[in-house]
Amino acid sequence: MKKHIIINIVGEDRPGIVADVTRIVTVNGGNVGESRAQLLGGYFSLIMQVGVPESKFRGLQDQLKNHEMGLSTGCFDAVDPNMIEMEPRVGFLGYFKLSGADNPGIVHNLSSVLAKYGLNIASMKTRQDMAPWGGTELFTLEGEAVAYHPLASNFDWIKIDEELQVLGEKL
């Protein structure tokens, strides 16, 4: 029987991290499904959904934790992605993007507005860039937000949009 897990790896960037981790997965009869990876601030982060024979799970987990890769690892139980019932159903999917002069609290302010209306952040990416003129640091935040059906009683896309517009104007 196959066990489905989430493997999360973080460590100082170096060549071969993905190869090292996937070798351990493969040696244990595992298969990588959906995954995401990101290099950020000199650190590499990898999250993968993996299917592995149940009899090999403990060995895989031990090898990931005890391997001399210099990485922080975590393994978490997951559901079979082919068996997921679409409950709750997505009642709303929206995209957001804010850009402007960087200042503390942008991510907190945006995520607070979304949470206030029962929205979850499905994905989010932020970056900082130097403006080509004047040396001002620019900040960009973009992503997707979802609300599940039934929508919260206070869900009002027009109000959400208005609050996000005000937030954007403050940048």
N, C-alpha and C. Protein backbone atom coordinates (compact mmCIF):
# COMPACT_ATOMS: atom_id res chain seq x y z
N MET A 1 0.85 -1.18 0.00
CA MET A 1 0.00 0.00 0.00
C MET A 1 0.90 1.24 0.00
N LYS A 2 0.47 2.27 -0.69
CA LYS A 2 1.26 3.48 -0.83
C LYS A 2 0.86 4.50 0.23
N LYS A 3 1.87 5.13 0.82
CA LYS A 3 1.66 6.21 1.79
C LYS A 3 2.00 7.51 1.09
N HIS A 4 1.19 8.53 1.32
CA HIS A 4 1.43 9.84 0.72
C HIS A 4 1.92 10.80 1.79
N ILE A 5 3.01 11.47 1.48
CA ILE A 5 3.64 12.36 2.45
C ILE A 5 4.04 13.67 1.79
N ILE A 6 4.27 14.66 2.61
CA ILE A 6 4.86 15.92 2.19
C ILE A 6 6.26 15.95 2.78
N ILE A 7 7.25 16.18 1.93
CA ILE A 7 8.63 16.34 2.39
C ILE A 7 8.99 17.80 2.23
N ASN A 8 9.51 18.40 3.29
CA ASN A 8 9.92 19.80 3.27
C ASN A 8 11.40 19.86 3.63
N ILE A 9 12.18 20.49 2.78
CA ILE A 9 13.63 20.57 2.95
C ILE A 9 14.04 22.04 2.88
N VAL A 10 14.90 22.48 3.79
CA VAL A 10 15.46 23.83 3.76
C VAL A 10 16.93 23.75 4.14
N GLY A 11 17.76 24.48 3.41
CA GLY A 11 19.17 24.52 3.77
C GLY A 11 19.94 25.51 2.93
N GLU A 12 21.19 25.74 3.32
CA GLU A 12 22.04 26.64 2.54
C GLU A 12 22.14 26.09 1.13
N ASP A 13 22.03 26.98 0.16
CA ASP A 13 22.04 26.55 -1.23
C ASP A 13 23.39 25.96 -1.61
N ARG A 14 23.31 24.93 -2.44
CA ARG A 14 24.50 24.30 -3.03
C ARG A 14 24.01 23.44 -4.19
N PRO A 15 24.89 23.13 -5.12
CA PRO A 15 24.48 22.23 -6.21
C PRO A 15 24.14 20.84 -5.67
N GLY A 16 23.11 20.23 -6.23
CA GLY A 16 22.81 18.83 -5.93
C GLY A 16 21.79 18.56 -4.85
N ILE A 17 21.18 19.58 -4.26
CA ILE A 17 20.20 19.32 -3.20
C ILE A 17 19.04 18.47 -3.72
N VAL A 18 18.46 18.88 -4.84
CA VAL A 18 17.31 18.13 -5.37
C VAL A 18 17.74 16.71 -5.75
N ALA A 19 18.91 16.57 -6.34
CA ALA A 19 19.41 15.24 -6.70
C ALA A 19 19.59 14.37 -5.46
N ASP A 20 20.15 14.92 -4.39
CA ASP A 20 20.36 14.16 -3.16
C ASP A 20 19.04 13.69 -2.56
N VAL A 21 18.09 14.60 -2.47
CA VAL A 21 16.80 14.27 -1.85
C VAL A 21 16.03 13.28 -2.70
N THR A 22 15.97 13.51 -4.01
CA THR A 22 15.20 12.60 -4.86
C THR A 22 15.87 11.23 -4.99
N ARG A 23 17.19 11.15 -4.81
CA ARG A 23 17.85 9.84 -4.80
C ARG A 23 17.34 9.03 -3.62
N ILE A 24 17.24 9.66 -2.44
CA ILE A 24 16.73 8.97 -1.26
C ILE A 24 15.28 8.54 -1.48
N VAL A 25 14.48 9.41 -2.07
CA VAL A 25 13.08 9.07 -2.36
C VAL A 25 13.02 7.87 -3.29
N THR A 26 13.80 7.91 -4.37
CA THR A 26 13.77 6.86 -5.38
C THR A 26 14.28 5.53 -4.84
N VAL A 27 15.38 5.56 -4.09
CA VAL A 27 15.95 4.33 -3.51
C VAL A 27 14.92 3.64 -2.61
N ASN A 28 14.03 4.41 -2.02
CA ASN A 28 13.00 3.86 -1.14
C ASN A 28 11.69 3.58 -1.87
N GLY A 29 11.74 3.55 -3.20
CA GLY A 29 10.56 3.21 -3.98
C GLY A 29 9.54 4.32 -4.10
N GLY A 30 9.95 5.54 -3.75
CA GLY A 30 9.03 6.67 -3.78
C GLY A 30 8.98 7.34 -5.14
N ASN A 31 7.96 8.15 -5.32
CA ASN A 31 7.76 8.89 -6.55
C ASN A 31 7.30 10.30 -6.21
N VAL A 32 7.96 11.29 -6.79
CA VAL A 32 7.61 12.69 -6.56
C VAL A 32 6.40 13.05 -7.42
N GLY A 33 5.41 13.67 -6.79
CA GLY A 33 4.25 14.19 -7.51
C GLY A 33 4.43 15.69 -7.66
N GLU A 34 3.55 16.44 -7.06
CA GLU A 34 3.61 17.90 -7.13
C GLU A 34 4.74 18.41 -6.25
N SER A 35 5.41 19.48 -6.69
CA SER A 35 6.50 20.04 -5.88
C SER A 35 6.69 21.52 -6.19
N ARG A 36 7.36 22.20 -5.27
CA ARG A 36 7.75 23.61 -5.43
C ARG A 36 9.14 23.76 -4.85
N ALA A 37 9.94 24.62 -5.45
CA ALA A 37 11.28 24.89 -4.95
C ALA A 37 11.56 26.38 -5.11
N GLN A 38 12.37 26.92 -4.20
CA GLN A 38 12.68 28.35 -4.25
C GLN A 38 14.03 28.60 -3.60
N LEU A 39 14.81 29.46 -4.25
CA LEU A 39 16.06 29.96 -3.69
C LEU A 39 15.77 31.35 -3.14
N LEU A 40 16.11 31.57 -1.86
CA LEU A 40 15.77 32.82 -1.21
C LEU A 40 16.82 33.13 -0.15
N GLY A 41 17.49 34.25 -0.29
CA GLY A 41 18.46 34.70 0.72
C GLY A 41 19.60 33.72 0.95
N GLY A 42 20.02 33.02 -0.10
CA GLY A 42 21.10 32.06 0.04
C GLY A 42 20.66 30.70 0.54
N TYR A 43 19.37 30.53 0.80
CA TYR A 43 18.82 29.25 1.25
C TYR A 43 17.91 28.69 0.16
N PHE A 44 17.90 27.37 0.08
CA PHE A 44 17.07 26.66 -0.89
C PHE A 44 15.97 25.94 -0.13
N SER A 45 14.75 26.07 -0.60
CA SER A 45 13.60 25.42 0.03
C SER A 45 12.91 24.55 -1.01
N LEU A 46 12.57 23.34 -0.61
CA LEU A 46 11.91 22.37 -1.49
C LEU A 46 10.77 21.72 -0.72
N ILE A 47 9.60 21.70 -1.33
CA ILE A 47 8.46 20.99 -0.75
C ILE A 47 7.91 20.07 -1.84
N MET A 48 7.73 18.79 -1.49
CA MET A 48 7.30 17.80 -2.46
C MET A 48 6.22 16.91 -1.87
N GLN A 49 5.25 16.58 -2.71
CA GLN A 49 4.29 15.55 -2.34
C GLN A 49 4.83 14.25 -2.94
N VAL A 50 4.99 13.24 -2.09
CA VAL A 50 5.64 12.00 -2.49
C VAL A 50 4.75 10.81 -2.13
N GLY A 51 4.69 9.84 -3.04
CA GLY A 51 4.06 8.57 -2.75
C GLY A 51 5.16 7.55 -2.53
N VAL A 52 5.09 6.80 -1.44
CA VAL A 52 6.13 5.82 -1.10
C VAL A 52 5.45 4.58 -0.53
N PRO A 53 5.98 3.37 -0.84
CA PRO A 53 5.39 2.17 -0.21
C PRO A 53 5.39 2.33 1.30
N GLU A 54 4.28 1.98 1.91
CA GLU A 54 4.14 2.15 3.36
C GLU A 54 5.27 1.46 4.12
N SER A 55 5.72 0.31 3.61
CA SER A 55 6.77 -0.45 4.27
C SER A 55 8.13 0.27 4.22
N LYS A 56 8.27 1.24 3.34
CA LYS A 56 9.54 1.96 3.18
C LYS A 56 9.53 3.35 3.81
N PHE A 57 8.38 3.77 4.32
CA PHE A 57 8.25 5.14 4.82
C PHE A 57 9.24 5.45 5.94
N ARG A 58 9.31 4.61 6.96
CA ARG A 58 10.21 4.89 8.10
C ARG A 58 11.66 4.98 7.65
N GLY A 59 12.06 4.09 6.75
CA GLY A 59 13.43 4.13 6.22
C GLY A 59 13.70 5.42 5.47
N LEU A 60 12.74 5.84 4.66
CA LEU A 60 12.87 7.11 3.93
C LEU A 60 13.00 8.27 4.91
N GLN A 61 12.13 8.29 5.90
CA GLN A 61 12.13 9.36 6.90
C GLN A 61 13.47 9.39 7.66
N ASP A 62 13.96 8.23 8.07
CA ASP A 62 15.23 8.16 8.80
C ASP A 62 16.40 8.61 7.93
N GLN A 63 16.41 8.18 6.67
CA GLN A 63 17.50 8.55 5.77
C GLN A 63 17.51 10.06 5.52
N LEU A 64 16.36 10.66 5.38
CA LEU A 64 16.30 12.11 5.17
C LEU A 64 16.81 12.86 6.39
N LYS A 65 16.44 12.39 7.59
CA LYS A 65 16.86 13.07 8.82
C LYS A 65 18.33 12.84 9.14
N ASN A 66 18.85 11.66 8.83
CA ASN A 66 20.20 11.30 9.22
C ASN A 66 21.24 11.49 8.12
N HIS A 67 20.81 11.87 6.95
CA HIS A 67 21.75 12.03 5.85
C HIS A 67 22.61 13.26 6.08
N GLU A 68 23.84 13.18 5.67
CA GLU A 68 24.81 14.28 5.86
C GLU A 68 24.65 15.35 4.78
N MET A 69 23.42 15.82 4.57
CA MET A 69 23.18 16.83 3.54
C MET A 69 23.24 18.25 4.09
N GLY A 70 23.23 18.40 5.41
CA GLY A 70 23.23 19.73 5.99
C GLY A 70 21.93 20.47 5.79
N LEU A 71 20.83 19.73 5.78
CA LEU A 71 19.52 20.31 5.51
C LEU A 71 18.57 20.06 6.68
N SER A 72 17.65 20.97 6.87
CA SER A 72 16.56 20.77 7.81
C SER A 72 15.44 20.06 7.05
N THR A 73 14.98 18.93 7.56
CA THR A 73 13.97 18.15 6.85
C THR A 73 12.75 17.91 7.71
N GLY A 74 11.63 17.76 7.07
CA GLY A 74 10.39 17.41 7.75
C GLY A 74 9.56 16.53 6.84
N CYS A 75 8.87 15.55 7.41
CA CYS A 75 7.96 14.67 6.68
C CYS A 75 6.59 14.74 7.37
N PHE A 76 5.57 14.92 6.57
CA PHE A 76 4.22 15.06 7.10
C PHE A 76 3.27 14.15 6.34
N ASP A 77 2.32 13.55 7.04
CA ASP A 77 1.31 12.72 6.38
C ASP A 77 0.47 13.58 5.46
N ALA A 78 0.11 13.02 4.31
CA ALA A 78 -0.74 13.71 3.35
C ALA A 78 -1.80 12.72 2.86
N VAL A 79 -2.79 13.22 2.18
CA VAL A 79 -3.81 12.36 1.60
C VAL A 79 -3.42 12.02 0.17
N ASP A 80 -3.93 10.93 -0.32
CA ASP A 80 -3.70 10.53 -1.71
C ASP A 80 -4.32 11.60 -2.61
N PRO A 81 -3.51 12.25 -3.45
CA PRO A 81 -4.05 13.34 -4.27
C PRO A 81 -5.13 12.87 -5.24
N ASN A 82 -5.16 11.58 -5.55
CA ASN A 82 -6.19 11.05 -6.45
C ASN A 82 -7.49 10.75 -5.74
N MET A 83 -7.47 10.79 -4.42
CA MET A 83 -8.65 10.46 -3.64
C MET A 83 -9.29 11.68 -2.98
N ILE A 84 -8.75 12.84 -3.24
CA ILE A 84 -9.27 14.05 -2.61
C ILE A 84 -10.63 14.40 -3.20
N GLU A 85 -11.60 14.50 -2.34
CA GLU A 85 -12.89 15.00 -2.76
C GLU A 85 -12.82 16.51 -2.75
N MET A 86 -13.41 17.12 -3.68
CA MET A 86 -13.34 18.56 -3.79
C MET A 86 -14.29 19.23 -2.80
N GLU A 87 -14.13 18.92 -1.56
CA GLU A 87 -14.90 19.55 -0.49
C GLU A 87 -13.91 20.14 0.48
N PRO A 88 -13.97 21.32 0.89
CA PRO A 88 -14.97 22.26 0.41
C PRO A 88 -14.64 22.72 -1.01
N ARG A 89 -15.67 23.09 -1.72
CA ARG A 89 -15.49 23.58 -3.08
C ARG A 89 -15.05 25.03 -3.04
N VAL A 90 -14.26 25.40 -4.01
CA VAL A 90 -13.83 26.79 -4.12
C VAL A 90 -15.02 27.63 -4.55
N GLY A 91 -15.33 28.64 -3.75
CA GLY A 91 -16.42 29.54 -4.06
C GLY A 91 -15.93 30.82 -4.72
N PHE A 92 -14.65 31.12 -4.54
CA PHE A 92 -14.07 32.33 -5.11
C PHE A 92 -12.57 32.13 -5.25
N LEU A 93 -12.03 32.55 -6.37
CA LEU A 93 -10.59 32.56 -6.60
C LEU A 93 -10.24 33.94 -7.16
N GLY A 94 -9.32 34.61 -6.48
CA GLY A 94 -8.92 35.95 -6.92
C GLY A 94 -7.41 36.08 -6.97
N TYR A 95 -6.95 36.94 -7.83
CA TYR A 95 -5.53 37.22 -7.96
C TYR A 95 -5.25 38.61 -7.39
N PHE A 96 -4.11 38.76 -6.73
CA PHE A 96 -3.76 40.07 -6.19
C PHE A 96 -2.33 40.41 -6.55
N LYS A 97 -2.10 41.72 -6.69
CA LYS A 97 -0.74 42.22 -6.93
C LYS A 97 -0.68 43.63 -6.39
N LEU A 98 0.31 43.87 -5.54
CA LEU A 98 0.58 45.20 -5.01
C LEU A 98 2.03 45.54 -5.34
N SER A 99 2.27 46.74 -5.79
CA SER A 99 3.64 47.21 -6.08
C SER A 99 3.77 48.63 -5.60
N GLY A 100 4.92 48.95 -5.04
CA GLY A 100 5.17 50.32 -4.62
C GLY A 100 6.40 50.40 -3.75
N ALA A 101 6.60 51.59 -3.16
CA ALA A 101 7.74 51.79 -2.27
C ALA A 101 7.63 50.83 -1.09
N ASP A 102 8.75 50.21 -0.75
CA ASP A 102 8.75 49.23 0.34
C ASP A 102 8.58 49.93 1.68
N ASN A 103 7.80 49.30 2.56
CA ASN A 103 7.68 49.75 3.94
C ASN A 103 7.21 48.58 4.78
N PRO A 104 7.53 48.58 6.06
CA PRO A 104 7.16 47.46 6.93
C PRO A 104 5.64 47.27 7.00
N GLY A 105 5.22 46.02 7.01
CA GLY A 105 3.81 45.71 7.25
C GLY A 105 2.97 45.44 6.01
N ILE A 106 3.54 45.51 4.82
CA ILE A 106 2.73 45.32 3.61
C ILE A 106 2.10 43.92 3.59
N VAL A 107 2.91 42.89 3.82
CA VAL A 107 2.39 41.52 3.77
C VAL A 107 1.35 41.32 4.88
N HIS A 108 1.63 41.82 6.06
CA HIS A 108 0.68 41.69 7.16
C HIS A 108 -0.64 42.40 6.83
N ASN A 109 -0.56 43.61 6.32
CA ASN A 109 -1.77 44.37 6.02
C ASN A 109 -2.62 43.67 4.96
N LEU A 110 -1.99 43.20 3.89
CA LEU A 110 -2.74 42.52 2.84
C LEU A 110 -3.34 41.21 3.38
N SER A 111 -2.55 40.41 4.07
CA SER A 111 -3.06 39.13 4.57
C SER A 111 -4.16 39.34 5.60
N SER A 112 -4.11 40.42 6.34
CA SER A 112 -5.17 40.72 7.32
C SER A 112 -6.48 41.04 6.63
N VAL A 113 -6.43 41.80 5.55
CA VAL A 113 -7.66 42.10 4.78
C VAL A 113 -8.24 40.80 4.23
N LEU A 114 -7.40 39.96 3.66
CA LEU A 114 -7.90 38.70 3.10
C LEU A 114 -8.52 37.82 4.18
N ALA A 115 -7.85 37.68 5.32
CA ALA A 115 -8.36 36.85 6.41
C ALA A 115 -9.68 37.40 6.95
N LYS A 116 -9.79 38.71 7.03
CA LYS A 116 -11.01 39.36 7.54
C LYS A 116 -12.25 38.90 6.77
N TYR A 117 -12.07 38.62 5.48
CA TYR A 117 -13.18 38.20 4.63
C TYR A 117 -13.19 36.70 4.34
N GLY A 118 -12.45 35.93 5.13
CA GLY A 118 -12.47 34.48 4.98
C GLY A 118 -11.71 33.94 3.79
N LEU A 119 -10.74 34.70 3.31
CA LEU A 119 -9.93 34.24 2.17
C LEU A 119 -8.64 33.60 2.66
N ASN A 120 -8.26 32.51 2.04
CA ASN A 120 -6.99 31.84 2.30
C ASN A 120 -6.00 32.21 1.19
N ILE A 121 -4.74 32.33 1.54
CA ILE A 121 -3.72 32.57 0.52
C ILE A 121 -3.33 31.21 -0.05
N ALA A 122 -3.59 31.01 -1.35
CA ALA A 122 -3.24 29.76 -2.02
C ALA A 122 -1.80 29.79 -2.49
N SER A 123 -1.34 30.95 -2.92
CA SER A 123 0.06 31.12 -3.30
C SER A 123 0.40 32.59 -3.15
N MET A 124 1.67 32.85 -2.88
CA MET A 124 2.11 34.23 -2.70
C MET A 124 3.60 34.32 -3.00
N LYS A 125 3.98 35.40 -3.66
CA LYS A 125 5.38 35.65 -3.97
C LYS A 125 5.65 37.13 -3.73
N THR A 126 6.75 37.42 -3.07
CA THR A 126 7.14 38.81 -2.85
C THR A 126 8.56 39.00 -3.36
N ARG A 127 8.88 40.23 -3.71
CA ARG A 127 10.26 40.54 -4.08
C ARG A 127 10.54 42.01 -3.84
N GLN A 128 11.81 42.31 -3.64
CA GLN A 128 12.27 43.67 -3.46
C GLN A 128 13.26 43.98 -4.58
N ASP A 129 13.13 45.14 -5.17
CA ASP A 129 14.02 45.59 -6.24
C ASP A 129 14.39 47.04 -5.99
N MET A 130 15.57 47.41 -6.41
CA MET A 130 15.95 48.82 -6.35
C MET A 130 15.37 49.53 -7.57
N ALA A 131 14.76 50.68 -7.33
CA ALA A 131 14.23 51.47 -8.44
C ALA A 131 15.39 51.95 -9.30
N PRO A 132 15.19 52.04 -10.60
CA PRO A 132 16.27 52.47 -11.48
C PRO A 132 16.66 53.93 -11.28
N TRP A 133 15.90 54.67 -10.53
CA TRP A 133 16.19 56.07 -10.26
C TRP A 133 16.01 56.34 -8.77
N GLY A 134 16.87 57.11 -8.19
CA GLY A 134 16.70 57.59 -6.82
C GLY A 134 17.03 56.63 -5.70
N GLY A 135 17.33 55.38 -5.97
CA GLY A 135 17.72 54.45 -4.92
C GLY A 135 16.60 53.99 -4.02
N THR A 136 15.35 54.19 -4.37
CA THR A 136 14.22 53.73 -3.57
C THR A 136 14.04 52.22 -3.75
N GLU A 137 13.75 51.54 -2.64
CA GLU A 137 13.50 50.11 -2.74
C GLU A 137 12.02 49.89 -3.04
N LEU A 138 11.75 49.12 -4.08
CA LEU A 138 10.39 48.81 -4.50
C LEU A 138 10.01 47.43 -4.01
N PHE A 139 8.76 47.24 -3.67
CA PHE A 139 8.26 45.98 -3.16
C PHE A 139 7.10 45.53 -4.04
N THR A 140 7.10 44.26 -4.41
CA THR A 140 6.00 43.68 -5.18
C THR A 140 5.53 42.43 -4.46
N LEU A 141 4.23 42.32 -4.33
CA LEU A 141 3.58 41.17 -3.70
C LEU A 141 2.49 40.72 -4.64
N GLU A 142 2.49 39.44 -4.98
CA GLU A 142 1.42 38.93 -5.85
C GLU A 142 1.08 37.50 -5.48
N GLY A 143 -0.15 37.10 -5.80
CA GLY A 143 -0.55 35.75 -5.48
C GLY A 143 -2.00 35.47 -5.78
N GLU A 144 -2.48 34.36 -5.21
CA GLU A 144 -3.86 33.93 -5.39
C GLU A 144 -4.49 33.75 -4.02
N ALA A 145 -5.75 34.12 -3.92
CA ALA A 145 -6.52 33.93 -2.70
C ALA A 145 -7.78 33.14 -3.04
N VAL A 146 -8.17 32.24 -2.13
CA VAL A 146 -9.38 31.45 -2.34
C VAL A 146 -10.30 31.57 -1.14
N ALA A 147 -11.58 31.47 -1.43
CA ALA A 147 -12.61 31.36 -0.40
C ALA A 147 -13.42 30.13 -0.75
N TYR A 148 -13.76 29.35 0.27
CA TYR A 148 -14.47 28.11 0.03
C TYR A 148 -15.98 28.30 0.14
N HIS A 149 -16.69 27.45 -0.56
CA HIS A 149 -18.15 27.47 -0.58
C HIS A 149 -18.66 26.74 0.66
N PRO A 150 -19.62 27.21 1.36
CA PRO A 150 -20.33 28.46 1.13
C PRO A 150 -19.48 29.66 1.58
N LEU A 151 -19.59 30.74 0.86
CA LEU A 151 -18.83 31.94 1.20
C LEU A 151 -19.31 32.51 2.53
N ALA A 152 -18.38 33.10 3.27
CA ALA A 152 -18.71 33.71 4.57
C ALA A 152 -19.79 34.77 4.37
N SER A 153 -20.60 34.99 5.40
CA SER A 153 -21.70 35.95 5.29
C SER A 153 -21.20 37.37 5.03
N ASN A 154 -19.96 37.67 5.46
CA ASN A 154 -19.42 39.02 5.23
C ASN A 154 -18.60 39.10 3.93
N PHE A 155 -18.67 38.06 3.10
CA PHE A 155 -17.90 38.07 1.86
C PHE A 155 -18.55 39.03 0.87
N ASP A 156 -17.81 40.04 0.51
CA ASP A 156 -18.29 41.05 -0.43
C ASP A 156 -17.09 41.48 -1.26
N TRP A 157 -17.01 40.96 -2.48
CA TRP A 157 -15.84 41.21 -3.31
C TRP A 157 -15.62 42.72 -3.51
N ILE A 158 -16.67 43.49 -3.62
CA ILE A 158 -16.52 44.94 -3.83
C ILE A 158 -15.83 45.58 -2.63
N LYS A 159 -16.24 45.20 -1.40
CA LYS A 159 -15.59 45.73 -0.20
C LYS A 159 -14.13 45.29 -0.12
N ILE A 160 -13.89 44.03 -0.44
CA ILE A 160 -12.51 43.52 -0.42
C ILE A 160 -11.66 44.31 -1.40
N ASP A 161 -12.16 44.47 -2.60
CA ASP A 161 -11.43 45.21 -3.64
C ASP A 161 -11.17 46.65 -3.20
N GLU A 162 -12.17 47.28 -2.60
CA GLU A 162 -12.00 48.66 -2.12
C GLU A 162 -10.90 48.74 -1.06
N GLU A 163 -10.91 47.82 -0.10
CA GLU A 163 -9.88 47.83 0.95
C GLU A 163 -8.49 47.59 0.37
N LEU A 164 -8.42 46.68 -0.60
CA LEU A 164 -7.12 46.42 -1.22
C LEU A 164 -6.64 47.63 -2.05
N GLN A 165 -7.57 48.33 -2.68
CA GLN A 165 -7.22 49.53 -3.44
C GLN A 165 -6.65 50.60 -2.50
N VAL A 166 -7.29 50.78 -1.34
CA VAL A 166 -6.80 51.76 -0.36
C VAL A 166 -5.41 51.37 0.11
N LEU A 167 -5.23 50.09 0.39
CA LEU A 167 -3.92 49.60 0.80
C LEU A 167 -2.86 49.89 -0.28
N GLY A 168 -3.22 49.61 -1.53
CA GLY A 168 -2.30 49.86 -2.64
C GLY A 168 -1.96 51.34 -2.80
N GLU A 169 -2.93 52.19 -2.56
CA GLU A 169 -2.69 53.64 -2.69
C GLU A 169 -1.73 54.16 -1.62
N LYS A 170 -1.65 53.47 -0.50
CA LYS A 170 -0.73 53.89 0.58
C LYS A 170 0.72 53.60 0.24
N LEU A 171 0.95 52.76 -0.77
CA LEU A 171 2.34 52.42 -1.13
C LEU A 171 2.95 53.59 -1.85
